[in-house]
């Protein structure tokens, strides 16, 4: 008895939404639009660099595009900014060091706290978890300008609710000045506090998307919350962590109002933004030095962005499409 062979014709493969989205965004029209936006976005940076290498008398006479006619360039502006000159003899180096010392803890601390809070809300069942999450996210509507004076008063005089102390009074009785002033600690605390609502929101969206079956399997194997968080949650949430890290890094690096309020403009603690404000001089008379200092200040953020751009792009589209 013969068995008739049946030919199986495979059904057409359905493209997942992610592949369809990639195909649409890879069209020639989309490519032209992206190139045009990139060129327009790059023009101010090119103008900043060209102005920074032109002699001062040329910057006063014409805009940066004048280099097409007169190609005279100089590095004197960078020499004055790096080594110090008549305006600010200490140079930009101490301010860059202060900026790095402020940015790194102010980026790492909120990420660690936000990841732990997001994991607790998403995977540690407790009553009122949704209310806590909504309350934390709602703090994003609080303008940072409204918090500066209360925080400055708290760091100087402490804070208490009735007889219960919440934050101690750290005033030095000999000098009458808070022990925190003149240190990086207030800047770390303020930036961490202001970053936590958005960080918790982003981390919760990423951590809550981890399949429940993976968490249940780990619990059956006897894994504790610490093991699950460190070995499973953090690696899976890496794209979202990298995306927020770039946002927070750039925000703290470019911050001026918090730095000026809690650090002043001295080279002991102040970051690079108050230095650039002082470098400009009255009525922008030292514009040629300002452009050189600004270009030096943006080199590190640009390098960080290019190093993390792959994770940054993945973090932005987490949850947008399901492949």
C-alpha atoms as a PDB file:
ATOM      1  CA  UNK A   1       0.000   0.000   0.000  1.00  0.00           C
ATOM      2  CA  UNK A   2       1.492   3.238  -1.143  1.00  0.00           C
ATOM      3  CA  UNK A   3       1.350   6.407   0.779  1.00  0.00           C
ATOM      4  CA  UNK A   4       0.770   9.477  -1.285  1.00  0.00           C
ATOM      5  CA  UNK A   5       3.223  12.168  -0.506  1.00  0.00           C
ATOM      6  CA  UNK A   6       1.756  15.520   0.312  1.00  0.00           C
ATOM      7  CA  UNK A   7       3.576  18.657  -0.547  1.00  0.00           C
ATOM      8  CA  UNK A   8       3.336  21.259   2.181  1.00  0.00           C
ATOM      9  CA  UNK A   9       3.256  24.796   0.934  1.00  0.00           C
ATOM     10  CA  UNK A  10       4.462  27.154   3.644  1.00  0.00           C
ATOM     11  CA  UNK A  11       2.210  30.058   4.429  1.00  0.00           C
ATOM     12  CA  UNK A  12       3.603  33.528   3.797  1.00  0.00           C
ATOM     13  CA  UNK A  13       5.581  34.697   6.780  1.00  0.00           C
ATOM     14  CA  UNK A  14       4.010  37.571   8.608  1.00  0.00           C
ATOM     15  CA  UNK A  15       6.386  40.407   9.249  1.00  0.00           C
ATOM     16  CA  UNK A  16       6.452  41.364  12.923  1.00  0.00           C
ATOM     17  CA  UNK A  17       5.595  44.986  13.760  1.00  0.00           C
ATOM     18  CA  UNK A  18       9.220  45.776  14.558  1.00  0.00           C
ATOM     19  CA  UNK A  19      10.414  44.612  11.141  1.00  0.00           C
ATOM     20  CA  UNK A  20       7.633  46.570   9.436  1.00  0.00           C
ATOM     21  CA  UNK A  21       8.555  49.688  11.377  1.00  0.00           C
ATOM     22  CA  UNK A  22      12.209  49.295  10.409  1.00  0.00           C
ATOM     23  CA  UNK A  23      11.245  48.886   6.767  1.00  0.00           C
ATOM     24  CA  UNK A  24       9.158  52.059   6.810  1.00  0.00           C
ATOM     25  CA  UNK A  25      11.892  54.058   8.554  1.00  0.00           C
ATOM     26  CA  UNK A  26      14.494  52.787   6.061  1.00  0.00           C
ATOM     27  CA  UNK A  27      12.767  54.289   3.023  1.00  0.00           C
ATOM     28  CA  UNK A  28      14.686  56.815   0.871  1.00  0.00           C
ATOM     29  CA  UNK A  29      12.389  59.639   1.974  1.00  0.00           C
ATOM     30  CA  UNK A  30      13.045  58.918   5.647  1.00  0.00           C
ATOM     31  CA  UNK A  31      16.794  58.803   4.954  1.00  0.00           C
ATOM     32  CA  UNK A  32      16.730  62.207   3.251  1.00  0.00           C
ATOM     33  CA  UNK A  33      14.728  63.705   6.127  1.00  0.00           C
ATOM     34  CA  UNK A  34      17.145  62.326   8.731  1.00  0.00           C
ATOM     35  CA  UNK A  35      20.168  63.652   6.817  1.00  0.00           C
ATOM     36  CA  UNK A  36      18.566  67.095   6.481  1.00  0.00           C
ATOM     37  CA  UNK A  37      17.736  67.258  10.201  1.00  0.00           C
ATOM     38  CA  UNK A  38      21.263  66.113  11.081  1.00  0.00           C
ATOM     39  CA  UNK A  39      22.838  68.810   8.916  1.00  0.00           C
ATOM     40  CA  UNK A  40      20.628  71.531  10.403  1.00  0.00           C
ATOM     41  CA  UNK A  41      21.339  70.268  13.918  1.00  0.00           C
ATOM     42  CA  UNK A  42      25.092  70.281  13.273  1.00  0.00           C
ATOM     43  CA  UNK A  43      25.332  73.822  11.887  1.00  0.00           C
ATOM     44  CA  UNK A  44      25.418  75.560  15.335  1.00  0.00           C
ATOM     45  CA  UNK A  45      28.181  73.220  16.513  1.00  0.00           C
ATOM     46  CA  UNK A  46      30.204  73.910  13.378  1.00  0.00           C
ATOM     47  CA  UNK A  47      29.695  77.638  13.880  1.00  0.00           C
ATOM     48  CA  UNK A  48      30.812  77.343  17.504  1.00  0.00           C
ATOM     49  CA  UNK A  49      34.018  75.548  16.523  1.00  0.00           C
ATOM     50  CA  UNK A  50      34.821  77.910  13.650  1.00  0.00           C
ATOM     51  CA  UNK A  51      34.344  80.951  15.899  1.00  0.00           C
ATOM     52  CA  UNK A  52      36.598  79.399  18.545  1.00  0.00           C
ATOM     53  CA  UNK A  53      39.556  79.132  16.138  1.00  0.00           C
ATOM     54  CA  UNK A  54      39.222  82.584  14.557  1.00  0.00           C
ATOM     55  CA  UNK A  55      41.253  85.556  15.797  1.00  0.00           C
ATOM     56  CA  UNK A  56      39.370  87.919  18.059  1.00  0.00           C
ATOM     57  CA  UNK A  57      39.371  90.802  15.582  1.00  0.00           C
ATOM     58  CA  UNK A  58      37.699  88.585  12.971  1.00  0.00           C
ATOM     59  CA  UNK A  59      34.949  87.469  15.341  1.00  0.00           C
ATOM     60  CA  UNK A  60      34.136  91.141  16.003  1.00  0.00           C
ATOM     61  CA  UNK A  61      34.006  91.960  12.310  1.00  0.00           C
ATOM     62  CA  UNK A  62      31.931  89.115  10.837  1.00  0.00           C
ATOM     63  CA  UNK A  63      30.114  85.912  11.702  1.00  0.00           C
ATOM     64  CA  UNK A  64      31.657  82.468  11.622  1.00  0.00           C
ATOM     65  CA  UNK A  65      30.824  82.079   7.941  1.00  0.00           C
ATOM     66  CA  UNK A  66      33.405  84.793   7.232  1.00  0.00           C
ATOM     67  CA  UNK A  67      36.068  82.077   7.365  1.00  0.00           C
ATOM     68  CA  UNK A  68      35.186  81.337   3.741  1.00  0.00           C
ATOM     69  CA  UNK A  69      36.798  84.642   2.736  1.00  0.00           C
ATOM     70  CA  UNK A  70      39.560  84.895   5.342  1.00  0.00           C
ATOM     71  CA  UNK A  71      40.895  81.504   6.433  1.00  0.00           C
ATOM     72  CA  UNK A  72      43.167  82.786   9.191  1.00  0.00           C
ATOM     73  CA  UNK A  73      42.924  80.507  12.231  1.00  0.00           C
ATOM     74  CA  UNK A  74      44.564  80.456  15.659  1.00  0.00           C
ATOM     75  CA  UNK A  75      44.653  78.308  18.788  1.00  0.00           C
ATOM     76  CA  UNK A  76      45.254  81.230  21.146  1.00  0.00           C
ATOM     77  CA  UNK A  77      41.687  81.039  22.447  1.00  0.00           C
ATOM     78  CA  UNK A  78      42.146  77.410  23.511  1.00  0.00           C
ATOM     79  CA  UNK A  79      45.518  78.174  25.080  1.00  0.00           C
ATOM     80  CA  UNK A  80      43.990  80.899  27.247  1.00  0.00           C
ATOM     81  CA  UNK A  81      41.050  78.720  28.250  1.00  0.00           C
ATOM     82  CA  UNK A  82      43.134  75.647  29.100  1.00  0.00           C
ATOM     83  CA  UNK A  83      46.112  77.288  30.790  1.00  0.00           C
ATOM     84  CA  UNK A  84      44.372  80.339  32.197  1.00  0.00           C
ATOM     85  CA  UNK A  85      44.775  83.948  31.254  1.00  0.00           C
ATOM     86  CA  UNK A  86      44.075  87.418  32.538  1.00  0.00           C
ATOM     87  CA  UNK A  87      40.354  86.740  32.881  1.00  0.00           C
ATOM     88  CA  UNK A  88      40.385  83.504  34.919  1.00  0.00           C
ATOM     89  CA  UNK A  89      43.980  82.496  35.774  1.00  0.00           C
ATOM     90  CA  UNK A  90      42.994  79.043  37.067  1.00  0.00           C
ATOM     91  CA  UNK A  91      41.818  77.921  33.632  1.00  0.00           C
ATOM     92  CA  UNK A  92      39.032  75.494  32.835  1.00  0.00           C
ATOM     93  CA  UNK A  93      40.677  72.315  34.207  1.00  0.00           C
ATOM     94  CA  UNK A  94      39.481  72.638  37.865  1.00  0.00           C
ATOM     95  CA  UNK A  95      35.928  73.299  36.700  1.00  0.00           C
ATOM     96  CA  UNK A  96      35.966  70.276  34.409  1.00  0.00           C
ATOM     97  CA  UNK A  97      37.167  68.120  37.312  1.00  0.00           C
ATOM     98  CA  UNK A  98      34.373  69.494  39.503  1.00  0.00           C
ATOM     99  CA  UNK A  99      31.835  68.789  36.791  1.00  0.00           C
ATOM    100  CA  UNK A 100      32.908  65.157  36.503  1.00  0.00           C
ATOM    101  CA  UNK A 101      32.881  64.797  40.302  1.00  0.00           C
ATOM    102  CA  UNK A 102      29.310  66.126  40.348  1.00  0.00           C
ATOM    103  CA  UNK A 103      27.930  64.359  37.281  1.00  0.00           C
ATOM    104  CA  UNK A 104      29.013  60.779  37.980  1.00  0.00           C
ATOM    105  CA  UNK A 105      27.413  60.378  41.455  1.00  0.00           C
ATOM    106  CA  UNK A 106      24.411  62.482  40.391  1.00  0.00           C
ATOM    107  CA  UNK A 107      23.826  60.009  37.549  1.00  0.00           C
ATOM    108  CA  UNK A 108      24.618  56.704  39.259  1.00  0.00           C
ATOM    109  CA  UNK A 109      22.791  57.328  42.558  1.00  0.00           C
ATOM    110  CA  UNK A 110      19.328  58.091  41.088  1.00  0.00           C
ATOM    111  CA  UNK A 111      19.631  55.147  38.687  1.00  0.00           C
ATOM    112  CA  UNK A 112      20.361  52.695  41.520  1.00  0.00           C
ATOM    113  CA  UNK A 113      17.608  54.091  43.737  1.00  0.00           C
ATOM    114  CA  UNK A 114      15.100  54.220  40.881  1.00  0.00           C
ATOM    115  CA  UNK A 115      15.820  50.635  39.837  1.00  0.00           C
ATOM    116  CA  UNK A 116      15.294  49.382  43.384  1.00  0.00           C
ATOM    117  CA  UNK A 117      12.089  51.382  43.831  1.00  0.00           C
ATOM    118  CA  UNK A 118      10.766  50.300  40.432  1.00  0.00           C
ATOM    119  CA  UNK A 119      11.502  46.642  41.181  1.00  0.00           C
ATOM    120  CA  UNK A 120       9.753  46.871  44.550  1.00  0.00           C
ATOM    121  CA  UNK A 121       6.665  48.467  43.012  1.00  0.00           C
ATOM    122  CA  UNK A 122       6.528  46.038  40.086  1.00  0.00           C
ATOM    123  CA  UNK A 123       7.454  42.696  41.675  1.00  0.00           C
ATOM    124  CA  UNK A 124       7.211  42.981  45.461  1.00  0.00           C
ATOM    125  CA  UNK A 125       3.478  42.893  46.238  1.00  0.00           C
ATOM    126  CA  UNK A 126       2.377  45.334  48.899  1.00  0.00           C
ATOM    127  CA  UNK A 127      -0.774  47.335  49.523  1.00  0.00           C
ATOM    128  CA  UNK A 128      -0.845  50.751  47.915  1.00  0.00           C
ATOM    129  CA  UNK A 129       1.889  50.095  45.351  1.00  0.00           C
ATOM    130  CA  UNK A 130      -0.031  51.880  42.589  1.00  0.00           C
ATOM    131  CA  UNK A 131      -0.676  54.888  44.821  1.00  0.00           C
ATOM    132  CA  UNK A 132       3.036  55.101  45.672  1.00  0.00           C
ATOM    133  CA  UNK A 133       3.970  54.884  41.992  1.00  0.00           C
ATOM    134  CA  UNK A 134       1.490  57.589  40.953  1.00  0.00           C
ATOM    135  CA  UNK A 135       2.632  59.815  43.829  1.00  0.00           C
ATOM    136  CA  UNK A 136       6.285  59.528  42.821  1.00  0.00           C
ATOM    137  CA  UNK A 137       5.591  60.174  39.139  1.00  0.00           C
ATOM    138  CA  UNK A 138       3.364  63.162  40.000  1.00  0.00           C
ATOM    139  CA  UNK A 139       6.373  64.908  41.554  1.00  0.00           C
ATOM    140  CA  UNK A 140       7.624  65.600  38.020  1.00  0.00           C
ATOM    141  CA  UNK A 141       5.252  68.575  37.814  1.00  0.00           C
ATOM    142  CA  UNK A 142       7.145  70.363  40.612  1.00  0.00           C
ATOM    143  CA  UNK A 143       9.338  73.076  39.037  1.00  0.00           C
ATOM    144  CA  UNK A 144      12.939  72.975  40.167  1.00  0.00           C
ATOM    145  CA  UNK A 145      12.910  76.748  40.709  1.00  0.00           C
ATOM    146  CA  UNK A 146      10.371  76.327  43.528  1.00  0.00           C
ATOM    147  CA  UNK A 147      12.621  73.890  45.391  1.00  0.00           C
ATOM    148  CA  UNK A 148      15.865  75.856  45.436  1.00  0.00           C
ATOM    149  CA  UNK A 149      15.128  78.165  48.369  1.00  0.00           C
ATOM    150  CA  UNK A 150      13.537  75.462  50.596  1.00  0.00           C
ATOM    151  CA  UNK A 151      16.441  73.097  49.908  1.00  0.00           C
ATOM    152  CA  UNK A 152      19.011  75.801  50.556  1.00  0.00           C
ATOM    153  CA  UNK A 153      17.278  76.611  53.865  1.00  0.00           C
ATOM    154  CA  UNK A 154      17.159  72.921  54.760  1.00  0.00           C
ATOM    155  CA  UNK A 155      20.867  72.431  54.122  1.00  0.00           C
ATOM    156  CA  UNK A 156      21.671  75.516  56.190  1.00  0.00           C
ATOM    157  CA  UNK A 157      19.206  75.306  59.098  1.00  0.00           C
ATOM    158  CA  UNK A 158      17.904  71.755  59.000  1.00  0.00           C
ATOM    159  CA  UNK A 159      14.276  70.680  58.726  1.00  0.00           C
ATOM    160  CA  UNK A 160      11.879  69.339  61.289  1.00  0.00           C
ATOM    161  CA  UNK A 161       8.160  68.658  61.568  1.00  0.00           C
ATOM    162  CA  UNK A 162       7.243  69.945  64.988  1.00  0.00           C
ATOM    163  CA  UNK A 163       9.633  68.380  67.489  1.00  0.00           C
ATOM    164  CA  UNK A 164      10.628  65.586  65.072  1.00  0.00           C
ATOM    165  CA  UNK A 165      13.891  66.353  63.186  1.00  0.00           C
ATOM    166  CA  UNK A 166      13.871  65.233  59.549  1.00  0.00           C
ATOM    167  CA  UNK A 167      17.150  66.775  58.415  1.00  0.00           C
ATOM    168  CA  UNK A 168      19.734  67.832  61.023  1.00  0.00           C
ATOM    169  CA  UNK A 169      21.043  71.353  61.458  1.00  0.00           C
ATOM    170  CA  UNK A 170      24.600  71.188  60.159  1.00  0.00           C
ATOM    171  CA  UNK A 171      25.621  74.764  60.881  1.00  0.00           C
ATOM    172  CA  UNK A 172      29.144  75.167  62.183  1.00  0.00           C
ATOM    173  CA  UNK A 173      28.820  77.189  65.430  1.00  0.00           C
ATOM    174  CA  UNK A 174      32.226  78.802  64.869  1.00  0.00           C
ATOM    175  CA  UNK A 175      31.713  79.995  61.304  1.00  0.00           C
ATOM    176  CA  UNK A 176      27.903  80.074  61.209  1.00  0.00           C
ATOM    177  CA  UNK A 177      28.035  78.274  57.856  1.00  0.00           C
ATOM    178  CA  UNK A 178      26.569  74.888  57.001  1.00  0.00           C
ATOM    179  CA  UNK A 179      29.059  72.038  56.878  1.00  0.00           C
ATOM    180  CA  UNK A 180      27.570  70.964  53.553  1.00  0.00           C
ATOM    181  CA  UNK A 181      28.240  74.249  51.808  1.00  0.00           C
ATOM    182  CA  UNK A 182      31.452  74.220  49.836  1.00  0.00           C
ATOM    183  CA  UNK A 183      31.128  70.476  49.143  1.00  0.00           C
ATOM    184  CA  UNK A 184      29.631  68.360  46.382  1.00  0.00           C
ATOM    185  CA  UNK A 185      27.022  66.794  48.688  1.00  0.00           C
ATOM    186  CA  UNK A 186      24.229  69.379  48.192  1.00  0.00           C
ATOM    187  CA  UNK A 187      24.594  69.100  44.424  1.00  0.00           C
ATOM    188  CA  UNK A 188      24.409  65.308  44.575  1.00  0.00           C
ATOM    189  CA  UNK A 189      21.322  65.422  46.781  1.00  0.00           C
ATOM    190  CA  UNK A 190      19.480  68.029  44.726  1.00  0.00           C
ATOM    191  CA  UNK A 191      20.151  66.383  41.371  1.00  0.00           C
ATOM    192  CA  UNK A 192      19.222  62.974  42.769  1.00  0.00           C
ATOM    193  CA  UNK A 193      15.988  64.291  44.245  1.00  0.00           C
ATOM    194  CA  UNK A 194      14.944  66.033  41.043  1.00  0.00           C
ATOM    195  CA  UNK A 195      15.816  63.036  38.866  1.00  0.00           C
ATOM    196  CA  UNK A 196      14.079  60.311  40.872  1.00  0.00           C
ATOM    197  CA  UNK A 197      10.461  60.827  39.640  1.00  0.00           C
ATOM    198  CA  UNK A 198      11.372  60.493  35.966  1.00  0.00           C
ATOM    199  CA  UNK A 199      13.884  57.730  36.707  1.00  0.00           C
ATOM    200  CA  UNK A 200      11.328  55.674  38.635  1.00  0.00           C
ATOM    201  CA  UNK A 201       8.799  56.131  35.827  1.00  0.00           C
ATOM    202  CA  UNK A 202      11.200  54.961  33.108  1.00  0.00           C
ATOM    203  CA  UNK A 203      12.689  52.116  35.136  1.00  0.00           C
ATOM    204  CA  UNK A 204       9.260  50.859  36.187  1.00  0.00           C
ATOM    205  CA  UNK A 205       8.099  50.723  32.559  1.00  0.00           C
ATOM    206  CA  UNK A 206      11.145  48.645  31.658  1.00  0.00           C
ATOM    207  CA  UNK A 207      11.227  46.392  34.726  1.00  0.00           C
ATOM    208  CA  UNK A 208       7.481  45.694  34.757  1.00  0.00           C
ATOM    209  CA  UNK A 209       7.741  44.323  31.191  1.00  0.00           C
ATOM    210  CA  UNK A 210       9.927  41.420  32.277  1.00  0.00           C
ATOM    211  CA  UNK A 211       7.849  38.233  31.715  1.00  0.00           C
ATOM    212  CA  UNK A 212       6.261  36.996  34.913  1.00  0.00           C
ATOM    213  CA  UNK A 213       7.245  33.423  34.043  1.00  0.00           C
ATOM    214  CA  UNK A 214      10.941  34.311  34.355  1.00  0.00           C
ATOM    215  CA  UNK A 215      10.459  35.822  37.816  1.00  0.00           C
ATOM    216  CA  UNK A 216       8.316  32.842  38.951  1.00  0.00           C
ATOM    217  CA  UNK A 217      10.895  30.349  37.664  1.00  0.00           C
ATOM    218  CA  UNK A 218      13.649  32.129  39.562  1.00  0.00           C
ATOM    219  CA  UNK A 219      11.595  32.098  42.757  1.00  0.00           C
ATOM    220  CA  UNK A 220      10.893  28.381  42.367  1.00  0.00           C
ATOM    221  CA  UNK A 221      14.643  27.820  42.086  1.00  0.00           C
ATOM    222  CA  UNK A 222      15.062  29.603  45.400  1.00  0.00           C
ATOM    223  CA  UNK A 223      16.397  32.937  44.150  1.00  0.00           C
ATOM    224  CA  UNK A 224      15.949  35.830  46.552  1.00  0.00           C
ATOM    225  CA  UNK A 225      14.813  39.311  45.550  1.00  0.00           C
ATOM    226  CA  UNK A 226      18.420  40.464  45.656  1.00  0.00           C
ATOM    227  CA  UNK A 227      19.560  37.725  43.260  1.00  0.00           C
ATOM    228  CA  UNK A 228      16.644  38.334  40.895  1.00  0.00           C
ATOM    229  CA  UNK A 229      17.280  42.067  40.919  1.00  0.00           C
ATOM    230  CA  UNK A 230      21.041  41.857  40.392  1.00  0.00           C
ATOM    231  CA  UNK A 231      21.286  38.950  37.938  1.00  0.00           C
ATOM    232  CA  UNK A 232      18.060  39.276  35.962  1.00  0.00           C
ATOM    233  CA  UNK A 233      16.395  42.657  36.272  1.00  0.00           C
ATOM    234  CA  UNK A 234      19.438  44.896  35.867  1.00  0.00           C
ATOM    235  CA  UNK A 235      20.767  43.172  32.701  1.00  0.00           C
ATOM    236  CA  UNK A 236      17.303  43.152  31.107  1.00  0.00           C
ATOM    237  CA  UNK A 237      16.754  46.823  31.974  1.00  0.00           C
ATOM    238  CA  UNK A 238      20.153  47.921  30.634  1.00  0.00           C
ATOM    239  CA  UNK A 239      18.771  49.761  27.543  1.00  0.00           C
ATOM    240  CA  UNK A 240      16.413  51.841  29.695  1.00  0.00           C
ATOM    241  CA  UNK A 241      19.196  52.477  32.211  1.00  0.00           C
ATOM    242  CA  UNK A 242      21.529  53.678  29.442  1.00  0.00           C
ATOM    243  CA  UNK A 243      18.842  55.941  27.973  1.00  0.00           C
ATOM    244  CA  UNK A 244      18.139  57.609  31.309  1.00  0.00           C
ATOM    245  CA  UNK A 245      21.862  57.788  32.105  1.00  0.00           C
ATOM    246  CA  UNK A 246      22.435  59.881  28.989  1.00  0.00           C
ATOM    247  CA  UNK A 247      19.518  62.176  29.795  1.00  0.00           C
ATOM    248  CA  UNK A 248      20.676  62.652  33.388  1.00  0.00           C
ATOM    249  CA  UNK A 249      24.337  63.031  32.430  1.00  0.00           C
ATOM    250  CA  UNK A 250      23.563  65.772  29.922  1.00  0.00           C
ATOM    251  CA  UNK A 251      21.131  67.496  32.279  1.00  0.00           C
ATOM    252  CA  UNK A 252      23.602  67.666  35.167  1.00  0.00           C
ATOM    253  CA  UNK A 253      26.528  68.551  32.906  1.00  0.00           C
ATOM    254  CA  UNK A 254      24.650  71.503  31.395  1.00  0.00           C
ATOM    255  CA  UNK A 255      22.982  72.607  34.641  1.00  0.00           C
ATOM    256  CA  UNK A 256      23.587  76.174  35.716  1.00  0.00           C
ATOM    257  CA  UNK A 257      20.909  77.246  38.187  1.00  0.00           C
ATOM    258  CA  UNK A 258      21.468  74.419  40.707  1.00  0.00           C
ATOM    259  CA  UNK A 259      25.248  74.765  40.427  1.00  0.00           C
ATOM    260  CA  UNK A 260      25.130  78.526  40.948  1.00  0.00           C
ATOM    261  CA  UNK A 261      22.751  78.185  43.934  1.00  0.00           C
ATOM    262  CA  UNK A 262      24.571  75.458  45.848  1.00  0.00           C
ATOM    263  CA  UNK A 263      28.158  75.735  44.599  1.00  0.00           C
ATOM    264  CA  UNK A 264      28.664  79.379  43.675  1.00  0.00           C
ATOM    265  CA  UNK A 265      31.314  80.206  41.104  1.00  0.00           C
ATOM    266  CA  UNK A 266      34.584  79.426  42.879  1.00  0.00           C
ATOM    267  CA  UNK A 267      36.958  76.858  41.450  1.00  0.00           C
ATOM    268  CA  UNK A 268      36.695  74.731  44.620  1.00  0.00           C
ATOM    269  CA  UNK A 269      33.309  73.176  43.862  1.00  0.00           C
ATOM    270  CA  UNK A 270      31.687  74.970  40.909  1.00  0.00           C
ATOM    271  CA  UNK A 271      31.240  73.050  37.611  1.00  0.00           C
ATOM    272  CA  UNK A 272      32.044  74.313  34.155  1.00  0.00           C
ATOM    273  CA  UNK A 273      28.800  76.251  33.526  1.00  0.00           C
ATOM    274  CA  UNK A 274      29.501  79.050  36.066  1.00  0.00           C
ATOM    275  CA  UNK A 275      33.034  79.205  34.671  1.00  0.00           C
ATOM    276  CA  UNK A 276      31.667  79.816  31.175  1.00  0.00           C
ATOM    277  CA  UNK A 277      29.339  82.509  32.525  1.00  0.00           C
ATOM    278  CA  UNK A 278      32.291  84.305  34.113  1.00  0.00           C
ATOM    279  CA  UNK A 279      34.450  83.741  31.054  1.00  0.00           C
ATOM    280  CA  UNK A 280      32.069  85.648  28.798  1.00  0.00           C
ATOM    281  CA  UNK A 281      32.780  88.864  30.680  1.00  0.00           C
ATOM    282  CA  UNK A 282      30.593  91.934  30.764  1.00  0.00           C
ATOM    283  CA  UNK A 283      28.444  92.391  27.652  1.00  0.00           C
ATOM    284  CA  UNK A 284      30.121  89.383  26.021  1.00  0.00           C
ATOM    285  CA  UNK A 285      33.400  91.164  25.383  1.00  0.00           C
ATOM    286  CA  UNK A 286      35.278  87.854  25.618  1.00  0.00           C
ATOM    287  CA  UNK A 287      33.070  85.979  23.187  1.00  0.00           C
ATOM    288  CA  UNK A 288      36.081  84.461  21.467  1.00  0.00           C
ATOM    289  CA  UNK A 289      37.120  82.763  24.728  1.00  0.00           C
ATOM    290  CA  UNK A 290      33.558  81.692  25.488  1.00  0.00           C
ATOM    291  CA  UNK A 291      33.281  79.725  22.253  1.00  0.00           C
ATOM    292  CA  UNK A 292      36.559  77.893  22.927  1.00  0.00           C
ATOM    293  CA  UNK A 293      35.522  77.065  26.494  1.00  0.00           C
ATOM    294  CA  UNK A 294      32.072  75.917  25.364  1.00  0.00           C
ATOM    295  CA  UNK A 295      33.545  73.634  22.696  1.00  0.00           C
ATOM    296  CA  UNK A 296      35.893  72.049  25.244  1.00  0.00           C
ATOM    297  CA  UNK A 297      32.952  71.575  27.614  1.00  0.00           C
ATOM    298  CA  UNK A 298      30.841  69.687  25.057  1.00  0.00           C
ATOM    299  CA  UNK A 299      33.553  67.197  24.062  1.00  0.00           C
ATOM    300  CA  UNK A 300      32.926  64.847  27.010  1.00  0.00           C
ATOM    301  CA  UNK A 301      29.090  64.776  26.669  1.00  0.00           C
ATOM    302  CA  UNK A 302      29.423  64.058  22.954  1.00  0.00           C
ATOM    303  CA  UNK A 303      31.843  61.198  23.662  1.00  0.00           C
ATOM    304  CA  UNK A 304      29.484  59.731  26.282  1.00  0.00           C
ATOM    305  CA  UNK A 305      26.549  59.924  23.884  1.00  0.00           C
ATOM    306  CA  UNK A 306      28.388  58.144  21.075  1.00  0.00           C
ATOM    307  CA  UNK A 307      29.593  55.436  23.460  1.00  0.00           C
ATOM    308  CA  UNK A 308      26.046  54.737  24.689  1.00  0.00           C
ATOM    309  CA  UNK A 309      24.033  55.589  21.591  1.00  0.00           C
ATOM    310  CA  UNK A 310      23.263  51.942  20.776  1.00  0.00           C
ATOM    311  CA  UNK A 311      21.739  51.363  24.205  1.00  0.00           C
ATOM    312  CA  UNK A 312      20.133  54.805  24.062  1.00  0.00           C
ATOM    313  CA  UNK A 313      18.261  53.986  20.850  1.00  0.00           C
ATOM    314  CA  UNK A 314      17.109  50.636  22.246  1.00  0.00           C
ATOM    315  CA  UNK A 315      15.987  52.237  25.477  1.00  0.00           C
ATOM    316  CA  UNK A 316      13.828  54.796  23.700  1.00  0.00           C
ATOM    317  CA  UNK A 317      11.876  52.139  21.783  1.00  0.00           C
ATOM    318  CA  UNK A 318      11.420  49.711  24.705  1.00  0.00           C
ATOM    319  CA  UNK A 319       7.748  48.922  24.756  1.00  0.00           C
ATOM    320  CA  UNK A 320       6.968  50.937  21.629  1.00  0.00           C
ATOM    321  CA  UNK A 321       6.587  47.886  19.372  1.00  0.00           C
ATOM    322  CA  UNK A 322       6.418  44.194  20.048  1.00  0.00           C
ATOM    323  CA  UNK A 323       8.468  42.002  17.747  1.00  0.00           C
END
